[in-house]
């Protein structure tokens, strides 16, 4: 397949139907190799790039998507096949690409997967859109990322600005201990309007064992 593409690199000499037939007989690993070859600059395959992407989309699976080296080609496949969105497939995508994928995602699983990576990237205004469309997933991922020290700073203002909506979702259900409660308080900017964390932390610690089911209140 690669020899045929290389030797018939001139657009006028390429028999597209022959290329398509051979492409259909390739293994997943070979498909990824051809896609990576086609995505390289300067190999005179401009007219074939779109057909190759189309053939790849039609038969793509997780192995193929994760083996595509160039982000633009991977994005074209994922946009056409959002069912292939996985944590591995989007792990190294930049913020703008994550926003584009989120816009075409249709399942809760895909949205949650994208958001879990997105809270660790600078999405600009894309963060606001995610918080509006999927606040439950957004606050859960933001809390998890903040707990690990991985939340991107660009998310803090949009999260704080969405405080009222997020508090209605009972974010404390995601708290496993007092440290998580304080993380949530900081994310939602509560220390600036409800209590001062520094002065209250000892009281919270003392009362923790008695809170039990009353923690949300």
N, C-alpha and C. Protein backbone atom coordinates (compact mmCIF):
# COMPACT_ATOMS: atom_id res chain seq x y z
N UNK A 1 0.83 -1.21 0.00
CA UNK A 1 0.00 0.00 0.00
C UNK A 1 0.86 1.25 0.00
N UNK A 2 1.85 1.29 0.88
CA UNK A 2 2.72 2.46 0.96
C UNK A 2 3.57 2.59 -0.31
N UNK A 3 4.01 1.46 -0.87
CA UNK A 3 4.80 1.50 -2.10
C UNK A 3 3.97 2.07 -3.25
N UNK A 4 2.70 1.68 -3.30
CA UNK A 4 1.81 2.18 -4.34
C UNK A 4 1.62 3.69 -4.20
N UNK A 5 1.41 4.15 -2.98
CA UNK A 5 1.24 5.58 -2.73
C UNK A 5 2.51 6.35 -3.08
N UNK A 6 3.66 5.77 -2.77
CA UNK A 6 4.92 6.45 -3.00
C UNK A 6 5.24 6.52 -4.49
N UNK A 7 5.08 5.40 -5.19
CA UNK A 7 5.45 5.34 -6.60
C UNK A 7 4.46 6.11 -7.47
N UNK A 8 3.21 6.15 -7.05
CA UNK A 8 2.21 6.88 -7.83
C UNK A 8 1.83 8.16 -7.09
N UNK A 9 2.86 8.86 -6.63
CA UNK A 9 2.62 10.05 -5.86
C UNK A 9 1.96 11.17 -6.64
N UNK A 10 2.08 11.17 -7.96
CA UNK A 10 1.45 12.21 -8.75
C UNK A 10 -0.05 11.99 -8.79
N UNK A 11 -0.83 13.04 -8.52
CA UNK A 11 -2.28 12.90 -8.46
C UNK A 11 -2.86 12.32 -9.73
N UNK A 12 -2.31 12.71 -10.87
CA UNK A 12 -2.87 12.25 -12.15
C UNK A 12 -2.65 10.76 -12.37
N UNK A 13 -1.68 10.17 -11.65
CA UNK A 13 -1.37 8.76 -11.88
C UNK A 13 -2.05 7.83 -10.89
N UNK A 14 -2.69 8.38 -9.85
CA UNK A 14 -3.25 7.55 -8.80
C UNK A 14 -4.64 7.05 -9.19
N UNK A 15 -4.84 5.75 -9.11
CA UNK A 15 -6.15 5.14 -9.33
C UNK A 15 -6.81 5.02 -7.96
N UNK A 16 -7.74 5.91 -7.65
CA UNK A 16 -8.32 5.97 -6.32
C UNK A 16 -9.06 4.69 -5.97
N UNK A 17 -9.73 4.10 -6.95
CA UNK A 17 -10.47 2.86 -6.67
C UNK A 17 -9.51 1.74 -6.29
N UNK A 18 -8.34 1.71 -6.91
CA UNK A 18 -7.35 0.69 -6.55
C UNK A 18 -6.84 0.92 -5.14
N UNK A 19 -6.60 2.19 -4.81
CA UNK A 19 -6.15 2.52 -3.46
C UNK A 19 -7.21 2.09 -2.44
N UNK A 20 -8.47 2.37 -2.72
CA UNK A 20 -9.54 2.04 -1.78
C UNK A 20 -9.65 0.54 -1.57
N UNK A 21 -9.51 -0.22 -2.64
CA UNK A 21 -9.60 -1.68 -2.53
C UNK A 21 -8.48 -2.22 -1.66
N UNK A 22 -7.29 -1.73 -1.88
CA UNK A 22 -6.15 -2.21 -1.10
C UNK A 22 -6.28 -1.75 0.36
N UNK A 23 -6.77 -0.54 0.55
CA UNK A 23 -6.94 -0.01 1.90
C UNK A 23 -7.90 -0.89 2.70
N UNK A 24 -8.93 -1.37 2.04
CA UNK A 24 -9.93 -2.20 2.71
C UNK A 24 -9.40 -3.52 3.20
N UNK A 25 -8.25 -3.95 2.68
CA UNK A 25 -7.67 -5.24 3.08
C UNK A 25 -6.59 -5.09 4.15
N UNK A 26 -6.35 -3.86 4.60
CA UNK A 26 -5.29 -3.63 5.57
C UNK A 26 -5.73 -3.99 6.99
N UNK A 27 -4.77 -4.35 7.81
CA UNK A 27 -5.03 -4.54 9.23
C UNK A 27 -5.13 -3.18 9.91
N UNK A 28 -5.58 -3.17 11.15
CA UNK A 28 -5.70 -1.91 11.89
C UNK A 28 -4.35 -1.21 12.01
N UNK A 29 -3.31 -1.98 12.29
CA UNK A 29 -1.97 -1.39 12.43
C UNK A 29 -1.51 -0.79 11.10
N UNK A 30 -1.82 -1.46 9.99
CA UNK A 30 -1.43 -0.96 8.68
C UNK A 30 -2.23 0.28 8.29
N UNK A 31 -3.51 0.31 8.68
CA UNK A 31 -4.31 1.50 8.42
C UNK A 31 -3.68 2.71 9.09
N UNK A 32 -3.30 2.56 10.35
CA UNK A 32 -2.67 3.67 11.07
C UNK A 32 -1.39 4.10 10.39
N UNK A 33 -0.62 3.13 9.88
CA UNK A 33 0.63 3.47 9.20
C UNK A 33 0.37 4.29 7.94
N UNK A 34 -0.65 3.90 7.19
CA UNK A 34 -1.00 4.63 5.97
C UNK A 34 -1.50 6.03 6.30
N UNK A 35 -2.35 6.14 7.33
CA UNK A 35 -2.87 7.45 7.73
C UNK A 35 -1.72 8.37 8.15
N UNK A 36 -0.79 7.84 8.92
CA UNK A 36 0.35 8.66 9.34
C UNK A 36 1.20 9.07 8.15
N UNK A 37 1.33 8.18 7.17
CA UNK A 37 2.08 8.50 5.95
C UNK A 37 1.37 9.61 5.18
N UNK A 38 0.05 9.47 5.06
CA UNK A 38 -0.73 10.44 4.29
C UNK A 38 -0.76 11.81 4.96
N UNK A 39 -0.62 11.83 6.28
CA UNK A 39 -0.68 13.10 7.00
C UNK A 39 0.63 13.87 6.94
N UNK A 40 1.70 13.18 6.53
CA UNK A 40 3.00 13.83 6.45
C UNK A 40 3.00 14.87 5.33
N UNK A 41 3.68 15.95 5.54
CA UNK A 41 3.73 17.01 4.53
C UNK A 41 4.71 16.65 3.43
N UNK A 42 4.40 17.13 2.23
CA UNK A 42 5.33 16.99 1.13
C UNK A 42 5.33 15.64 0.45
N UNK A 43 4.33 14.77 0.67
CA UNK A 43 4.35 13.48 -0.02
C UNK A 43 3.37 13.45 -1.19
N UNK A 44 2.91 14.61 -1.63
CA UNK A 44 2.11 14.77 -2.84
C UNK A 44 0.84 13.92 -2.83
N UNK A 45 0.17 13.87 -1.68
CA UNK A 45 -1.07 13.08 -1.57
C UNK A 45 -2.27 13.96 -1.23
N UNK A 46 -2.18 15.23 -1.62
CA UNK A 46 -3.25 16.15 -1.25
C UNK A 46 -4.63 15.64 -1.64
N UNK A 47 -4.77 15.12 -2.86
CA UNK A 47 -6.08 14.68 -3.34
C UNK A 47 -6.55 13.42 -2.64
N UNK A 48 -5.62 12.66 -2.07
CA UNK A 48 -5.98 11.39 -1.43
C UNK A 48 -6.21 11.52 0.07
N UNK A 49 -5.80 12.64 0.67
CA UNK A 49 -5.93 12.74 2.13
C UNK A 49 -7.38 12.62 2.58
N UNK A 50 -8.27 13.34 1.95
CA UNK A 50 -9.67 13.29 2.36
C UNK A 50 -10.27 11.89 2.17
N UNK A 51 -10.06 11.24 1.01
CA UNK A 51 -10.56 9.86 0.88
C UNK A 51 -9.99 8.91 1.92
N UNK A 52 -8.70 9.04 2.23
CA UNK A 52 -8.08 8.17 3.22
C UNK A 52 -8.72 8.38 4.58
N UNK A 53 -8.97 9.64 4.94
CA UNK A 53 -9.63 9.92 6.21
C UNK A 53 -11.03 9.31 6.21
N UNK A 54 -11.75 9.46 5.09
CA UNK A 54 -13.09 8.91 4.99
C UNK A 54 -13.09 7.39 5.14
N UNK A 55 -12.17 6.71 4.49
CA UNK A 55 -12.09 5.25 4.62
C UNK A 55 -11.72 4.87 6.05
N UNK A 56 -10.84 5.65 6.67
CA UNK A 56 -10.42 5.36 8.04
C UNK A 56 -11.58 5.53 9.01
N UNK A 57 -12.35 6.60 8.84
CA UNK A 57 -13.50 6.84 9.70
C UNK A 57 -14.47 5.68 9.65
N UNK A 58 -14.67 5.14 8.45
CA UNK A 58 -15.64 4.07 8.26
C UNK A 58 -15.27 2.80 9.01
N UNK A 59 -13.98 2.55 9.17
CA UNK A 59 -13.57 1.30 9.81
C UNK A 59 -12.76 1.52 11.09
N UNK A 60 -12.74 2.73 11.57
CA UNK A 60 -11.90 3.05 12.73
C UNK A 60 -12.34 2.30 13.97
N UNK A 61 -11.36 1.99 14.81
CA UNK A 61 -11.60 1.43 16.14
C UNK A 61 -10.60 2.06 17.09
N UNK A 62 -10.62 1.63 18.34
CA UNK A 62 -9.73 2.22 19.33
C UNK A 62 -8.26 2.10 18.96
N UNK A 63 -7.87 0.95 18.41
CA UNK A 63 -6.47 0.74 18.05
C UNK A 63 -6.03 1.73 16.98
N UNK A 64 -6.88 1.94 15.98
CA UNK A 64 -6.54 2.85 14.89
C UNK A 64 -6.44 4.28 15.41
N UNK A 65 -7.46 4.73 16.15
CA UNK A 65 -7.47 6.11 16.65
C UNK A 65 -6.24 6.39 17.51
N UNK A 66 -5.91 5.48 18.39
CA UNK A 66 -4.79 5.71 19.30
C UNK A 66 -3.44 5.60 18.62
N UNK A 67 -3.42 5.08 17.40
CA UNK A 67 -2.17 4.93 16.67
C UNK A 67 -1.94 6.06 15.67
N UNK A 68 -2.94 6.91 15.47
CA UNK A 68 -2.80 8.04 14.55
C UNK A 68 -1.93 9.10 15.23
N UNK A 69 -0.81 9.42 14.61
CA UNK A 69 0.19 10.25 15.26
C UNK A 69 -0.15 11.74 15.26
N UNK A 70 -0.78 12.23 14.19
CA UNK A 70 -1.01 13.66 14.08
C UNK A 70 -2.37 14.04 14.67
N UNK A 71 -2.36 15.10 15.47
CA UNK A 71 -3.59 15.53 16.13
C UNK A 71 -4.69 15.92 15.16
N UNK A 72 -4.41 16.67 14.07
CA UNK A 72 -5.49 17.03 13.14
C UNK A 72 -6.22 15.82 12.57
N UNK A 73 -5.48 14.77 12.19
CA UNK A 73 -6.12 13.58 11.64
C UNK A 73 -6.91 12.85 12.71
N UNK A 74 -6.36 12.76 13.91
CA UNK A 74 -7.09 12.11 15.00
C UNK A 74 -8.37 12.87 15.31
N UNK A 75 -8.28 14.19 15.30
CA UNK A 75 -9.46 15.01 15.56
C UNK A 75 -10.53 14.78 14.49
N UNK A 76 -10.14 14.68 13.25
CA UNK A 76 -11.13 14.46 12.18
C UNK A 76 -11.85 13.13 12.37
N UNK A 77 -11.12 12.14 12.83
CA UNK A 77 -11.73 10.83 13.07
C UNK A 77 -12.67 10.90 14.26
N UNK A 78 -12.23 11.53 15.35
CA UNK A 78 -13.04 11.58 16.57
C UNK A 78 -14.29 12.44 16.39
N UNK A 79 -14.18 13.52 15.61
CA UNK A 79 -15.35 14.36 15.36
C UNK A 79 -16.39 13.59 14.56
N UNK A 80 -15.92 12.79 13.61
CA UNK A 80 -16.84 11.98 12.82
C UNK A 80 -17.34 10.76 13.58
N UNK A 81 -16.53 10.29 14.54
CA UNK A 81 -16.88 9.09 15.30
C UNK A 81 -16.73 9.36 16.79
N UNK A 82 -17.60 10.18 17.37
CA UNK A 82 -17.48 10.48 18.81
C UNK A 82 -17.65 9.24 19.68
N UNK A 83 -18.14 8.14 19.11
CA UNK A 83 -18.24 6.90 19.89
C UNK A 83 -16.87 6.33 20.22
N UNK A 84 -15.83 6.85 19.55
CA UNK A 84 -14.47 6.37 19.80
C UNK A 84 -13.71 7.24 20.80
N UNK A 85 -14.40 8.20 21.40
CA UNK A 85 -13.77 9.07 22.40
C UNK A 85 -13.51 8.27 23.68
N UNK A 86 -12.25 8.14 24.03
CA UNK A 86 -11.84 7.46 25.26
C UNK A 86 -10.79 8.31 25.96
N UNK A 87 -10.50 7.98 27.20
CA UNK A 87 -9.49 8.73 27.96
C UNK A 87 -8.15 8.71 27.25
N UNK A 88 -7.79 7.59 26.66
CA UNK A 88 -6.51 7.49 25.97
C UNK A 88 -6.51 8.32 24.69
N UNK A 89 -7.62 8.31 23.97
CA UNK A 89 -7.69 9.02 22.69
C UNK A 89 -7.59 10.52 22.84
N UNK A 90 -8.03 11.06 23.98
CA UNK A 90 -8.03 12.51 24.16
C UNK A 90 -6.99 12.99 25.16
N UNK A 91 -6.19 12.07 25.69
CA UNK A 91 -5.28 12.40 26.79
C UNK A 91 -4.32 13.54 26.47
N UNK A 92 -3.84 13.63 25.23
CA UNK A 92 -2.83 14.64 24.91
C UNK A 92 -3.37 15.77 24.04
N UNK A 93 -4.69 15.90 23.95
CA UNK A 93 -5.27 16.96 23.12
C UNK A 93 -5.24 18.30 23.84
N UNK A 94 -4.98 19.38 23.12
CA UNK A 94 -4.99 20.71 23.74
C UNK A 94 -6.42 21.19 24.00
N UNK A 95 -6.54 22.27 24.77
CA UNK A 95 -7.84 22.78 25.16
C UNK A 95 -8.81 23.05 24.02
N UNK A 96 -8.40 23.78 22.97
CA UNK A 96 -9.34 24.07 21.88
C UNK A 96 -9.91 22.82 21.22
N UNK A 97 -9.09 21.79 21.07
CA UNK A 97 -9.58 20.54 20.47
C UNK A 97 -10.57 19.84 21.40
N UNK A 98 -10.33 19.90 22.69
CA UNK A 98 -11.26 19.31 23.65
C UNK A 98 -12.61 20.02 23.59
N UNK A 99 -12.58 21.34 23.42
CA UNK A 99 -13.83 22.09 23.30
C UNK A 99 -14.59 21.67 22.06
N UNK A 100 -13.90 21.47 20.95
CA UNK A 100 -14.55 21.04 19.71
C UNK A 100 -15.17 19.66 19.87
N UNK A 101 -14.45 18.76 20.53
CA UNK A 101 -14.99 17.42 20.74
C UNK A 101 -16.19 17.44 21.67
N UNK A 102 -16.12 18.26 22.70
CA UNK A 102 -17.24 18.35 23.63
C UNK A 102 -18.50 18.82 22.91
N UNK A 103 -18.33 19.72 21.97
CA UNK A 103 -19.48 20.27 21.24
C UNK A 103 -20.20 19.20 20.43
N UNK A 104 -19.48 18.14 19.99
CA UNK A 104 -20.12 17.11 19.17
C UNK A 104 -20.43 15.84 19.97
N UNK A 105 -20.01 15.80 21.23
CA UNK A 105 -20.28 14.61 22.04
C UNK A 105 -21.76 14.52 22.36
N UNK A 106 -22.28 13.30 22.34
CA UNK A 106 -23.71 13.10 22.54
C UNK A 106 -24.04 12.16 23.70
N UNK A 107 -23.05 11.51 24.24
CA UNK A 107 -23.31 10.59 25.33
C UNK A 107 -22.69 11.09 26.62
N UNK A 108 -23.27 10.69 27.74
CA UNK A 108 -22.74 11.09 29.04
C UNK A 108 -21.32 10.59 29.24
N UNK A 109 -21.06 9.39 28.74
CA UNK A 109 -19.72 8.81 28.91
C UNK A 109 -18.68 9.63 28.17
N UNK A 110 -18.99 10.05 26.93
CA UNK A 110 -18.04 10.86 26.16
C UNK A 110 -17.82 12.21 26.81
N UNK A 111 -18.90 12.85 27.25
CA UNK A 111 -18.78 14.16 27.90
C UNK A 111 -17.94 14.07 29.16
N UNK A 112 -18.19 13.05 29.99
CA UNK A 112 -17.44 12.90 31.23
C UNK A 112 -15.96 12.66 30.95
N UNK A 113 -15.66 11.88 29.92
CA UNK A 113 -14.28 11.59 29.55
C UNK A 113 -13.55 12.86 29.12
N UNK A 114 -14.20 13.66 28.29
CA UNK A 114 -13.59 14.90 27.80
C UNK A 114 -13.39 15.89 28.95
N UNK A 115 -14.40 16.03 29.80
CA UNK A 115 -14.32 17.01 30.89
C UNK A 115 -13.21 16.64 31.86
N UNK A 116 -13.02 15.37 32.11
CA UNK A 116 -12.00 14.94 33.06
C UNK A 116 -10.61 15.37 32.61
N UNK A 117 -10.40 15.43 31.29
CA UNK A 117 -9.13 15.93 30.76
C UNK A 117 -9.16 17.44 30.65
N UNK A 118 -10.32 17.99 30.27
CA UNK A 118 -10.44 19.43 30.01
C UNK A 118 -10.15 20.28 31.23
N UNK A 119 -10.52 19.82 32.42
CA UNK A 119 -10.30 20.65 33.62
C UNK A 119 -8.81 20.81 33.91
N UNK A 120 -7.99 20.08 33.22
CA UNK A 120 -6.54 20.19 33.39
C UNK A 120 -5.91 20.98 32.24
N UNK A 121 -6.73 21.62 31.41
CA UNK A 121 -6.28 22.42 30.28
C UNK A 121 -6.92 23.80 30.34
N UNK A 122 -6.34 24.73 29.59
CA UNK A 122 -6.92 26.07 29.46
C UNK A 122 -7.89 26.05 28.28
N UNK A 123 -9.19 26.09 28.56
CA UNK A 123 -10.20 26.07 27.52
C UNK A 123 -10.77 27.46 27.24
N UNK A 124 -10.32 28.46 27.96
CA UNK A 124 -10.87 29.79 27.77
C UNK A 124 -12.36 29.79 28.04
N UNK A 125 -13.13 30.35 27.10
CA UNK A 125 -14.58 30.42 27.25
C UNK A 125 -15.23 29.04 27.14
N UNK A 126 -14.47 28.07 26.65
CA UNK A 126 -15.01 26.71 26.55
C UNK A 126 -15.38 26.14 27.90
N UNK A 127 -14.69 26.58 28.95
CA UNK A 127 -15.01 26.11 30.30
C UNK A 127 -16.40 26.55 30.71
N UNK A 128 -16.79 27.75 30.33
CA UNK A 128 -18.11 28.26 30.67
C UNK A 128 -19.19 27.41 30.01
N UNK A 129 -18.97 27.07 28.75
CA UNK A 129 -19.95 26.25 28.02
C UNK A 129 -20.09 24.87 28.65
N UNK A 130 -18.98 24.28 29.05
CA UNK A 130 -19.02 22.97 29.69
C UNK A 130 -19.77 23.04 31.00
N UNK A 131 -19.52 24.07 31.79
CA UNK A 131 -20.21 24.22 33.08
C UNK A 131 -21.71 24.41 32.89
N UNK A 132 -22.11 25.05 31.81
CA UNK A 132 -23.53 25.24 31.54
C UNK A 132 -24.20 23.96 31.07
N UNK A 133 -23.51 23.23 30.20
CA UNK A 133 -24.12 22.05 29.59
C UNK A 133 -24.04 20.81 30.46
N UNK A 134 -22.95 20.65 31.18
CA UNK A 134 -22.76 19.44 31.98
C UNK A 134 -22.19 19.78 33.35
N UNK A 135 -22.93 20.54 34.16
CA UNK A 135 -22.40 20.98 35.46
C UNK A 135 -22.07 19.82 36.39
N UNK A 136 -22.86 18.74 36.34
CA UNK A 136 -22.60 17.62 37.25
C UNK A 136 -21.23 17.00 37.00
N UNK A 137 -20.92 16.76 35.73
CA UNK A 137 -19.63 16.18 35.39
C UNK A 137 -18.51 17.17 35.66
N UNK A 138 -18.77 18.46 35.37
CA UNK A 138 -17.74 19.48 35.52
C UNK A 138 -17.30 19.64 36.97
N UNK A 139 -18.26 19.72 37.88
CA UNK A 139 -17.88 19.94 39.28
C UNK A 139 -17.20 18.70 39.85
N UNK A 140 -17.65 17.52 39.45
CA UNK A 140 -17.01 16.30 39.94
C UNK A 140 -15.56 16.23 39.49
N UNK A 141 -15.32 16.53 38.19
CA UNK A 141 -13.96 16.49 37.67
C UNK A 141 -13.10 17.60 38.25
N UNK A 142 -13.70 18.78 38.44
CA UNK A 142 -12.95 19.91 39.00
C UNK A 142 -12.51 19.61 40.42
N UNK A 143 -13.40 19.02 41.21
CA UNK A 143 -13.05 18.66 42.58
C UNK A 143 -11.92 17.63 42.60
N UNK A 144 -12.04 16.64 41.75
CA UNK A 144 -11.02 15.59 41.69
C UNK A 144 -9.67 16.17 41.29
N UNK A 145 -9.68 17.05 40.27
CA UNK A 145 -8.42 17.65 39.80
C UNK A 145 -7.84 18.58 40.87
N UNK A 146 -8.70 19.37 41.52
CA UNK A 146 -8.22 20.28 42.57
C UNK A 146 -7.63 19.50 43.73
N UNK A 147 -8.26 18.39 44.08
CA UNK A 147 -7.77 17.55 45.18
C UNK A 147 -6.35 17.06 44.90
N UNK A 148 -6.05 16.82 43.62
CA UNK A 148 -4.73 16.31 43.23
C UNK A 148 -3.76 17.42 42.84
N UNK A 149 -4.23 18.68 42.93
CA UNK A 149 -3.38 19.79 42.55
C UNK A 149 -3.21 19.92 41.05
N UNK A 150 -4.17 19.41 40.27
CA UNK A 150 -4.05 19.38 38.81
C UNK A 150 -5.03 20.30 38.09
N UNK A 151 -5.93 20.95 38.82
CA UNK A 151 -6.92 21.82 38.17
C UNK A 151 -6.22 23.04 37.56
N UNK A 152 -6.50 23.28 36.27
CA UNK A 152 -5.89 24.44 35.61
C UNK A 152 -6.48 25.72 36.20
N UNK A 153 -5.62 26.71 36.42
CA UNK A 153 -6.05 27.94 37.06
C UNK A 153 -7.17 28.65 36.29
N UNK A 154 -7.22 28.45 34.98
CA UNK A 154 -8.22 29.14 34.17
C UNK A 154 -9.64 28.68 34.51
N UNK A 155 -9.78 27.55 35.20
CA UNK A 155 -11.12 27.05 35.55
C UNK A 155 -11.65 27.66 36.84
N UNK A 156 -10.81 28.24 37.65
CA UNK A 156 -11.25 28.67 38.98
C UNK A 156 -12.29 29.79 38.91
N UNK A 157 -12.10 30.75 38.05
CA UNK A 157 -13.08 31.83 37.96
C UNK A 157 -14.42 31.33 37.40
N UNK A 158 -14.44 30.56 36.29
CA UNK A 158 -15.73 30.05 35.81
C UNK A 158 -16.46 29.19 36.84
N UNK A 159 -15.71 28.38 37.60
CA UNK A 159 -16.35 27.55 38.63
C UNK A 159 -16.95 28.43 39.72
N UNK A 160 -16.18 29.40 40.18
CA UNK A 160 -16.68 30.29 41.23
C UNK A 160 -17.89 31.08 40.75
N UNK A 161 -17.87 31.50 39.47
CA UNK A 161 -18.99 32.26 38.92
C UNK A 161 -20.25 31.41 38.77
N UNK A 162 -20.07 30.10 38.73
CA UNK A 162 -21.21 29.18 38.61
C UNK A 162 -21.63 28.61 39.96
N UNK A 163 -21.19 29.25 41.03
CA UNK A 163 -21.36 28.71 42.37
C UNK A 163 -22.79 28.33 42.70
N UNK A 164 -23.74 29.23 42.45
CA UNK A 164 -25.12 28.96 42.86
C UNK A 164 -25.67 27.70 42.20
N UNK A 165 -25.40 27.56 40.90
CA UNK A 165 -25.88 26.37 40.18
C UNK A 165 -25.17 25.12 40.69
N UNK A 166 -23.89 25.23 40.97
CA UNK A 166 -23.12 24.07 41.42
C UNK A 166 -23.52 23.65 42.83
N UNK A 167 -23.79 24.62 43.71
CA UNK A 167 -24.19 24.26 45.06
C UNK A 167 -25.53 23.55 45.08
N UNK A 168 -26.39 23.85 44.10
CA UNK A 168 -27.68 23.16 44.01
C UNK A 168 -27.49 21.67 43.70
N UNK A 169 -26.32 21.31 43.18
CA UNK A 169 -26.03 19.91 42.84
C UNK A 169 -25.41 19.15 44.01
N UNK A 170 -25.30 19.81 45.16
CA UNK A 170 -24.74 19.20 46.35
C UNK A 170 -23.33 18.66 46.11
N UNK A 171 -22.38 19.53 45.83
CA UNK A 171 -21.01 19.06 45.56
C UNK A 171 -20.38 18.31 46.72
N UNK A 172 -20.90 18.51 47.94
CA UNK A 172 -20.31 17.82 49.09
C UNK A 172 -20.53 16.31 49.05
N UNK A 173 -21.39 15.87 48.14
CA UNK A 173 -21.54 14.41 47.99
C UNK A 173 -20.25 13.78 47.49
N UNK A 174 -19.37 14.59 46.91
CA UNK A 174 -18.10 14.08 46.40
C UNK A 174 -16.97 14.21 47.42
N UNK A 175 -17.30 14.67 48.63
CA UNK A 175 -16.28 14.87 49.66
C UNK A 175 -16.08 13.59 50.45
N UNK A 176 -14.83 13.17 50.57
CA UNK A 176 -14.50 11.98 51.36
C UNK A 176 -13.93 12.35 52.72
N UNK A 177 -13.72 13.64 52.96
CA UNK A 177 -13.16 14.07 54.23
C UNK A 177 -13.16 15.58 54.32
N UNK A 178 -12.69 16.10 55.44
CA UNK A 178 -12.71 17.54 55.67
C UNK A 178 -11.87 18.28 54.63
N UNK A 179 -10.75 17.70 54.22
CA UNK A 179 -9.92 18.37 53.21
C UNK A 179 -10.70 18.59 51.92
N UNK A 180 -11.56 17.63 51.56
CA UNK A 180 -12.37 17.78 50.35
C UNK A 180 -13.41 18.87 50.52
N UNK A 181 -13.99 18.97 51.73
CA UNK A 181 -14.97 20.03 52.00
C UNK A 181 -14.31 21.39 51.81
N UNK A 182 -13.11 21.54 52.32
CA UNK A 182 -12.41 22.81 52.19
C UNK A 182 -12.03 23.08 50.73
N UNK A 183 -11.68 22.02 49.99
CA UNK A 183 -11.39 22.18 48.56
C UNK A 183 -12.61 22.71 47.83
N UNK A 184 -13.77 22.15 48.14
CA UNK A 184 -15.02 22.59 47.51
C UNK A 184 -15.34 24.02 47.90
N UNK A 185 -15.10 24.36 49.17
CA UNK A 185 -15.36 25.72 49.63
C UNK A 185 -14.49 26.72 48.87
N UNK A 186 -13.24 26.36 48.64
CA UNK A 186 -12.34 27.26 47.90
C UNK A 186 -12.75 27.35 46.43
N UNK A 187 -13.11 26.22 45.83
CA UNK A 187 -13.53 26.23 44.43
C UNK A 187 -14.74 27.12 44.20
N UNK A 188 -15.69 27.07 45.14
CA UNK A 188 -16.91 27.83 44.99
C UNK A 188 -16.83 29.21 45.64
N UNK A 189 -15.62 29.57 46.10
CA UNK A 189 -15.35 30.90 46.64
C UNK A 189 -16.14 31.21 47.91
N UNK A 190 -16.46 30.17 48.67
CA UNK A 190 -17.27 30.37 49.87
C UNK A 190 -16.53 31.15 50.95
N UNK A 191 -15.20 31.05 50.96
CA UNK A 191 -14.47 31.71 52.05
C UNK A 191 -14.59 33.23 51.98
N UNK A 192 -14.99 33.75 50.82
CA UNK A 192 -15.10 35.20 50.69
C UNK A 192 -16.49 35.72 51.04
N UNK A 193 -17.42 34.81 51.30
CA UNK A 193 -18.76 35.30 51.56
C UNK A 193 -19.49 34.59 52.70
N UNK A 194 -18.98 33.45 53.14
CA UNK A 194 -19.67 32.69 54.18
C UNK A 194 -18.83 32.58 55.45
N UNK A 195 -17.62 32.12 55.31
CA UNK A 195 -16.77 32.01 56.49
C UNK A 195 -15.31 32.11 56.08
N UNK A 196 -14.47 32.44 57.01
CA UNK A 196 -13.04 32.52 56.76
C UNK A 196 -12.42 31.19 57.13
N UNK A 197 -11.84 30.53 56.14
CA UNK A 197 -11.33 29.17 56.37
C UNK A 197 -10.28 29.11 57.47
N UNK A 198 -9.40 30.08 57.49
CA UNK A 198 -8.32 30.04 58.47
C UNK A 198 -8.84 30.02 59.90
N UNK A 199 -9.82 30.85 60.20
CA UNK A 199 -10.36 30.94 61.55
C UNK A 199 -11.32 29.80 61.87
N UNK A 200 -11.93 29.20 60.85
CA UNK A 200 -12.96 28.20 61.07
C UNK A 200 -12.47 26.76 61.00
N UNK A 201 -11.26 26.57 60.48
CA UNK A 201 -10.81 25.21 60.23
C UNK A 201 -10.78 24.35 61.49
N UNK A 202 -10.40 24.93 62.63
CA UNK A 202 -10.33 24.15 63.87
C UNK A 202 -11.74 23.71 64.30
N UNK A 203 -12.71 24.62 64.17
CA UNK A 203 -14.08 24.26 64.53
C UNK A 203 -14.61 23.15 63.62
N UNK A 204 -14.31 23.28 62.32
CA UNK A 204 -14.77 22.24 61.38
C UNK A 204 -14.16 20.90 61.76
N UNK A 205 -12.88 20.92 62.09
CA UNK A 205 -12.20 19.68 62.44
C UNK A 205 -12.81 19.06 63.70
N UNK A 206 -13.10 19.90 64.70
CA UNK A 206 -13.66 19.42 65.95
C UNK A 206 -15.05 18.81 65.74
N UNK A 207 -15.83 19.44 64.87
CA UNK A 207 -17.20 18.99 64.65
C UNK A 207 -17.32 17.85 63.66
N UNK A 208 -16.24 17.52 62.96
CA UNK A 208 -16.35 16.59 61.83
C UNK A 208 -17.03 15.28 62.20
N UNK A 209 -16.63 14.67 63.33
CA UNK A 209 -17.18 13.37 63.72
C UNK A 209 -18.67 13.44 64.02
N UNK A 210 -19.18 14.61 64.38
CA UNK A 210 -20.60 14.73 64.73
C UNK A 210 -21.46 15.14 63.54
N UNK A 211 -20.82 15.52 62.43
CA UNK A 211 -21.61 16.00 61.28
C UNK A 211 -22.41 14.88 60.63
N UNK A 212 -21.72 13.80 60.28
CA UNK A 212 -22.34 12.62 59.69
C UNK A 212 -23.31 12.98 58.57
N UNK A 213 -24.58 12.67 58.72
CA UNK A 213 -25.53 12.91 57.64
C UNK A 213 -25.83 14.40 57.42
N UNK A 214 -25.41 15.23 58.35
CA UNK A 214 -25.69 16.66 58.23
C UNK A 214 -24.60 17.41 57.48
N UNK A 215 -23.64 16.68 56.93
CA UNK A 215 -22.52 17.33 56.22
C UNK A 215 -23.00 18.29 55.14
N UNK A 216 -23.98 17.93 54.27
CA UNK A 216 -24.40 18.87 53.24
C UNK A 216 -24.87 20.21 53.78
N UNK A 217 -25.47 20.22 54.96
CA UNK A 217 -25.92 21.48 55.55
C UNK A 217 -24.82 22.20 56.32
